[in-house]
């Protein structure tokens, strides 16, 4: 499912116009991104948790040459599904 299909599905379920749903979806994604950038965690009970995972610096290998190289520490967004979502999928 892509973004347009998601917007259409949400509009049908809520009775809202597609343009309104797009605004709500954009506000949601912008808010999640802004909070993660600040290092905050967003918990939606029954759905899941969005948080930032810290990746430590490490050594890796260049697959082409086999040389070792340093990989810098970084942060990555992470989503952990909640129990209710896991149960719905299974």
N, C-alpha and C. Protein backbone atom coordinates (compact mmCIF):
# COMPACT_ATOMS: atom_id res chain seq x y z
N UNK A 1 0.85 -1.18 0.00
CA UNK A 1 0.00 0.00 0.00
C UNK A 1 0.89 1.23 0.00
N UNK A 2 0.64 2.14 -0.92
CA UNK A 2 1.41 3.38 -0.95
C UNK A 2 0.63 4.50 -0.24
N UNK A 3 1.19 5.69 -0.23
CA UNK A 3 0.59 6.81 0.50
C UNK A 3 -0.80 7.14 -0.04
N UNK A 4 -0.96 7.19 -1.36
CA UNK A 4 -2.27 7.53 -1.94
C UNK A 4 -3.32 6.50 -1.57
N UNK A 5 -2.96 5.23 -1.59
CA UNK A 5 -3.90 4.18 -1.22
C UNK A 5 -4.25 4.28 0.27
N UNK A 6 -3.28 4.61 1.09
CA UNK A 6 -3.53 4.79 2.52
C UNK A 6 -4.49 5.95 2.76
N UNK A 7 -4.25 7.06 2.09
CA UNK A 7 -5.13 8.24 2.23
C UNK A 7 -6.54 7.89 1.79
N UNK A 8 -6.68 7.19 0.69
CA UNK A 8 -8.01 6.80 0.20
C UNK A 8 -8.71 5.90 1.20
N UNK A 9 -8.01 4.92 1.73
CA UNK A 9 -8.60 4.00 2.70
C UNK A 9 -9.03 4.74 3.98
N UNK A 10 -8.17 5.64 4.45
CA UNK A 10 -8.50 6.40 5.66
C UNK A 10 -9.69 7.32 5.42
N UNK A 11 -9.76 7.92 4.24
CA UNK A 11 -10.88 8.81 3.91
C UNK A 11 -12.19 8.03 3.89
N UNK A 12 -12.16 6.83 3.33
CA UNK A 12 -13.38 6.00 3.30
C UNK A 12 -13.82 5.61 4.70
N UNK A 13 -12.87 5.27 5.56
CA UNK A 13 -13.21 4.82 6.92
C UNK A 13 -13.67 5.95 7.83
N UNK A 14 -13.16 7.17 7.59
CA UNK A 14 -13.50 8.28 8.48
C UNK A 14 -14.60 9.18 7.93
N UNK A 15 -14.85 9.10 6.63
CA UNK A 15 -15.82 10.00 6.02
C UNK A 15 -15.26 11.39 5.77
N UNK A 16 -13.96 11.55 5.95
CA UNK A 16 -13.31 12.84 5.69
C UNK A 16 -12.92 12.93 4.22
N UNK A 17 -12.67 14.15 3.78
CA UNK A 17 -12.18 14.36 2.41
C UNK A 17 -10.72 13.92 2.34
N UNK A 18 -10.31 13.51 1.15
CA UNK A 18 -8.93 13.06 0.97
C UNK A 18 -7.93 14.17 1.31
N UNK A 19 -8.26 15.41 0.98
CA UNK A 19 -7.34 16.51 1.28
C UNK A 19 -7.17 16.70 2.78
N UNK A 20 -8.26 16.50 3.53
CA UNK A 20 -8.18 16.61 4.99
C UNK A 20 -7.33 15.49 5.57
N UNK A 21 -7.54 14.27 5.05
CA UNK A 21 -6.78 13.12 5.52
C UNK A 21 -5.29 13.30 5.23
N UNK A 22 -4.97 13.84 4.04
CA UNK A 22 -3.57 14.10 3.70
C UNK A 22 -2.92 15.06 4.69
N UNK A 23 -3.67 16.11 5.08
CA UNK A 23 -3.16 17.07 6.06
C UNK A 23 -2.91 16.40 7.41
N UNK A 24 -3.84 15.55 7.83
CA UNK A 24 -3.71 14.84 9.11
C UNK A 24 -2.51 13.89 9.06
N UNK A 25 -2.38 13.14 7.97
CA UNK A 25 -1.27 12.21 7.83
C UNK A 25 0.07 12.94 7.81
N UNK A 26 0.13 14.06 7.10
CA UNK A 26 1.36 14.86 7.06
C UNK A 26 1.69 15.41 8.44
N UNK A 27 0.68 15.88 9.15
CA UNK A 27 0.90 16.40 10.51
C UNK A 27 1.42 15.29 11.42
N UNK A 28 0.88 14.08 11.28
CA UNK A 28 1.33 12.94 12.08
C UNK A 28 2.78 12.62 11.79
N UNK A 29 3.14 12.47 10.52
CA UNK A 29 4.51 12.11 10.17
C UNK A 29 5.49 13.22 10.55
N UNK A 30 5.10 14.48 10.37
CA UNK A 30 5.97 15.60 10.75
C UNK A 30 6.19 15.63 12.26
N UNK A 31 5.13 15.37 13.03
CA UNK A 31 5.24 15.37 14.49
C UNK A 31 6.12 14.23 14.97
N UNK A 32 5.93 13.04 14.40
CA UNK A 32 6.77 11.89 14.78
C UNK A 32 8.23 12.20 14.46
N UNK A 33 8.50 12.71 13.27
CA UNK A 33 9.88 13.03 12.88
C UNK A 33 10.50 14.08 13.80
N UNK A 34 9.74 15.11 14.14
CA UNK A 34 10.25 16.18 15.00
C UNK A 34 10.57 15.65 16.41
N UNK A 35 9.70 14.81 16.94
CA UNK A 35 9.92 14.27 18.28
C UNK A 35 11.12 13.32 18.29
N UNK A 36 11.25 12.50 17.26
CA UNK A 36 12.40 11.60 17.19
C UNK A 36 13.69 12.38 17.05
N UNK A 37 13.65 13.47 16.31
CA UNK A 37 14.84 14.32 16.15
C UNK A 37 15.28 14.88 17.50
N UNK A 38 14.31 15.18 18.38
CA UNK A 38 14.62 15.69 19.72
C UNK A 38 15.04 14.56 20.66
N UNK A 39 14.95 13.32 20.20
CA UNK A 39 15.33 12.18 21.04
C UNK A 39 14.19 11.65 21.87
N UNK A 40 12.99 12.09 21.60
CA UNK A 40 11.81 11.65 22.36
C UNK A 40 11.29 10.32 21.83
N UNK A 41 10.41 9.70 22.61
CA UNK A 41 9.79 8.44 22.23
C UNK A 41 8.28 8.69 22.10
N UNK A 42 7.65 8.09 21.10
CA UNK A 42 6.21 8.23 20.90
C UNK A 42 5.58 6.86 21.07
N UNK A 43 4.69 6.75 22.06
CA UNK A 43 4.08 5.46 22.36
C UNK A 43 2.59 5.54 22.08
N UNK A 44 2.12 4.69 21.18
CA UNK A 44 0.70 4.57 20.87
C UNK A 44 0.24 3.22 21.42
N UNK A 45 -0.42 3.24 22.56
CA UNK A 45 -0.81 2.01 23.25
C UNK A 45 -1.64 1.14 22.32
N UNK A 46 -1.26 -0.11 22.22
CA UNK A 46 -1.96 -1.07 21.37
C UNK A 46 -1.46 -1.10 19.95
N UNK A 47 -0.73 -0.07 19.53
CA UNK A 47 -0.20 -0.03 18.16
C UNK A 47 1.30 -0.26 18.16
N UNK A 48 2.04 0.61 18.86
CA UNK A 48 3.49 0.45 18.92
C UNK A 48 4.20 1.69 19.39
N UNK A 49 5.52 1.63 19.34
CA UNK A 49 6.36 2.72 19.83
C UNK A 49 7.38 3.12 18.78
N UNK A 50 7.48 4.42 18.56
CA UNK A 50 8.51 4.99 17.70
C UNK A 50 9.59 5.53 18.62
N UNK A 51 10.85 5.16 18.35
CA UNK A 51 11.95 5.68 19.16
C UNK A 51 13.22 5.74 18.34
N UNK A 52 14.26 6.32 18.93
CA UNK A 52 15.54 6.44 18.26
C UNK A 52 16.49 5.40 18.84
N UNK A 53 17.12 4.64 17.96
CA UNK A 53 18.12 3.64 18.38
C UNK A 53 19.51 4.21 18.13
N UNK A 54 20.37 4.07 19.12
CA UNK A 54 21.76 4.52 19.01
C UNK A 54 22.60 3.39 18.44
N UNK A 55 23.29 3.65 17.37
CA UNK A 55 24.21 2.66 16.79
C UNK A 55 25.64 3.09 17.11
N UNK A 56 26.37 2.26 17.84
CA UNK A 56 27.74 2.65 18.19
C UNK A 56 28.67 2.58 16.98
N UNK A 57 29.80 3.27 17.09
CA UNK A 57 30.82 3.20 16.04
C UNK A 57 31.35 1.77 16.00
N UNK A 58 31.70 1.32 14.81
CA UNK A 58 32.20 -0.04 14.68
C UNK A 58 33.09 -0.15 13.46
N UNK A 59 33.75 -1.28 13.35
CA UNK A 59 34.57 -1.53 12.18
C UNK A 59 33.80 -2.43 11.23
N UNK A 60 33.90 -2.12 9.94
CA UNK A 60 33.26 -2.93 8.92
C UNK A 60 34.26 -3.26 7.83
N UNK A 61 33.78 -3.94 6.82
CA UNK A 61 34.65 -4.29 5.69
C UNK A 61 34.05 -3.78 4.40
N UNK A 62 34.93 -3.26 3.56
CA UNK A 62 34.53 -2.88 2.21
C UNK A 62 34.35 -4.18 1.43
N UNK A 63 33.13 -4.47 0.96
CA UNK A 63 32.90 -5.76 0.28
C UNK A 63 33.69 -5.90 -1.02
N UNK A 64 34.01 -4.81 -1.64
CA UNK A 64 34.73 -4.87 -2.92
C UNK A 64 36.22 -5.19 -2.72
N UNK A 65 36.84 -4.50 -1.73
CA UNK A 65 38.29 -4.65 -1.56
C UNK A 65 38.65 -5.51 -0.35
N UNK A 66 37.73 -5.70 0.58
CA UNK A 66 38.03 -6.48 1.78
C UNK A 66 38.73 -5.68 2.85
N UNK A 67 39.04 -4.39 2.59
CA UNK A 67 39.71 -3.55 3.57
C UNK A 67 38.79 -3.25 4.74
N UNK A 68 39.38 -3.16 5.94
CA UNK A 68 38.57 -2.75 7.09
C UNK A 68 38.40 -1.24 7.04
N UNK A 69 37.26 -0.79 7.53
CA UNK A 69 36.97 0.64 7.56
C UNK A 69 36.17 0.95 8.81
N UNK A 70 36.24 2.19 9.25
CA UNK A 70 35.50 2.61 10.42
C UNK A 70 34.12 3.11 9.99
N UNK A 71 33.10 2.67 10.71
CA UNK A 71 31.74 3.14 10.49
C UNK A 71 31.38 4.00 11.69
N UNK A 72 31.01 5.23 11.43
CA UNK A 72 30.73 6.19 12.51
C UNK A 72 29.46 5.82 13.28
N UNK A 73 29.40 6.28 14.51
CA UNK A 73 28.19 6.10 15.32
C UNK A 73 27.05 6.88 14.67
N UNK A 74 25.85 6.37 14.81
CA UNK A 74 24.70 7.05 14.21
C UNK A 74 23.43 6.76 15.01
N UNK A 75 22.40 7.46 14.66
CA UNK A 75 21.08 7.26 15.26
C UNK A 75 20.14 6.82 14.15
N UNK A 76 19.22 5.92 14.47
CA UNK A 76 18.27 5.43 13.48
C UNK A 76 16.87 5.35 14.09
N UNK A 77 15.84 5.75 13.32
CA UNK A 77 14.48 5.60 13.83
C UNK A 77 14.12 4.12 13.91
N UNK A 78 13.32 3.78 14.91
CA UNK A 78 12.96 2.39 15.14
C UNK A 78 11.49 2.32 15.52
N UNK A 79 10.80 1.29 15.05
CA UNK A 79 9.41 1.07 15.42
C UNK A 79 9.29 -0.31 16.04
N UNK A 80 8.68 -0.37 17.20
CA UNK A 80 8.43 -1.64 17.87
C UNK A 80 6.92 -1.83 17.96
N UNK A 81 6.42 -2.88 17.35
CA UNK A 81 4.98 -3.13 17.33
C UNK A 81 4.48 -3.49 18.72
N UNK A 82 3.28 -3.01 19.04
CA UNK A 82 2.65 -3.32 20.31
C UNK A 82 1.97 -4.68 20.27
N UNK A 83 1.57 -5.18 21.42
CA UNK A 83 0.98 -6.50 21.53
C UNK A 83 -0.29 -6.63 20.71
N UNK A 84 -1.16 -5.64 20.76
CA UNK A 84 -2.42 -5.71 20.02
C UNK A 84 -2.17 -5.80 18.51
N UNK A 85 -1.21 -5.04 18.00
CA UNK A 85 -0.88 -5.08 16.57
C UNK A 85 -0.29 -6.44 16.22
N UNK A 86 0.59 -6.95 17.05
CA UNK A 86 1.18 -8.28 16.81
C UNK A 86 0.08 -9.35 16.77
N UNK A 87 -0.85 -9.26 17.71
CA UNK A 87 -1.94 -10.25 17.76
C UNK A 87 -2.83 -10.16 16.53
N UNK A 88 -3.08 -8.96 16.02
CA UNK A 88 -3.92 -8.80 14.82
C UNK A 88 -3.26 -9.42 13.61
N UNK A 89 -1.92 -9.27 13.51
CA UNK A 89 -1.18 -9.80 12.36
C UNK A 89 -1.13 -11.32 12.43
N UNK A 90 -0.98 -11.86 13.63
CA UNK A 90 -0.90 -13.32 13.79
C UNK A 90 -2.29 -13.85 13.93
